[in-house]
């Protein structure tokens, strides 16, 4: 299992504030995510406080 530190940024978005997290290109390549195929599924496990990101099939 690979672990990396990341920061979440909170840019202004229209009338509110959005949230973004930056992932490294090597990690995205391992996930098979490209500029053309960038759809992902984000799952939050409330019980364990874990966010999972996987490529949409």
Protein backbone atom coordinates (compact mmCIF):
# COMPACT_ATOMS: atom_id res chain seq x y z
CA UNK A 1 0.00 0.00 0.00
CA UNK A 2 1.30 3.43 -0.93
CA UNK A 3 0.74 6.46 1.28
CA UNK A 4 1.27 10.12 0.39
CA UNK A 5 0.50 13.40 2.10
CA UNK A 6 -1.86 15.77 0.31
CA UNK A 7 -3.49 19.10 1.06
CA UNK A 8 -7.03 20.14 0.28
CA UNK A 9 -7.50 23.60 -1.20
CA UNK A 10 -10.67 25.64 -0.88
CA UNK A 11 -10.94 27.94 -3.92
CA UNK A 12 -13.83 30.35 -4.39
CA UNK A 13 -16.36 28.91 -6.82
CA UNK A 14 -19.09 31.23 -8.05
CA UNK A 15 -21.03 32.27 -4.96
CA UNK A 16 -19.52 29.66 -2.65
CA UNK A 17 -16.39 27.72 -1.88
CA UNK A 18 -15.32 24.47 -3.54
CA UNK A 19 -12.81 21.89 -2.39
CA UNK A 20 -10.01 20.19 -4.36
CA UNK A 21 -7.36 17.63 -3.63
CA UNK A 22 -4.32 17.23 -5.88
CA UNK A 23 -3.19 13.69 -6.71
CA UNK A 24 0.20 12.91 -8.22
CA UNK A 25 0.49 11.92 -11.88
CA UNK A 26 2.28 8.61 -11.04
CA UNK A 27 -0.63 7.65 -8.76
CA UNK A 28 -3.19 8.57 -11.44
CA UNK A 29 -1.27 6.46 -13.97
CA UNK A 30 -1.40 3.49 -11.58
CA UNK A 31 -5.17 3.97 -11.33
CA UNK A 32 -5.47 4.14 -15.14
CA UNK A 33 -6.81 7.70 -15.03
CA UNK A 34 -5.93 9.89 -18.01
CA UNK A 35 -7.08 13.26 -19.35
CA UNK A 36 -9.43 11.40 -21.71
CA UNK A 37 -10.66 8.81 -19.18
CA UNK A 38 -10.96 10.80 -15.96
CA UNK A 39 -14.28 9.67 -14.48
CA UNK A 40 -13.91 8.23 -10.97
CA UNK A 41 -16.12 6.92 -8.19
CA UNK A 42 -15.50 8.44 -4.74
CA UNK A 43 -16.80 6.47 -1.76
CA UNK A 44 -16.80 7.59 1.87
CA UNK A 45 -16.89 4.96 4.63
CA UNK A 46 -18.39 6.91 7.55
CA UNK A 47 -17.73 4.17 10.10
CA UNK A 48 -13.97 4.07 9.42
CA UNK A 49 -13.47 7.61 8.06
CA UNK A 50 -11.95 6.33 4.81
CA UNK A 51 -12.34 7.91 1.36
CA UNK A 52 -11.81 5.56 -1.58
CA UNK A 53 -11.21 6.70 -5.17
CA UNK A 54 -11.54 4.23 -8.04
CA UNK A 55 -11.75 4.56 -11.79
CA UNK A 56 -15.26 4.39 -13.23
CA UNK A 57 -15.66 1.33 -15.47
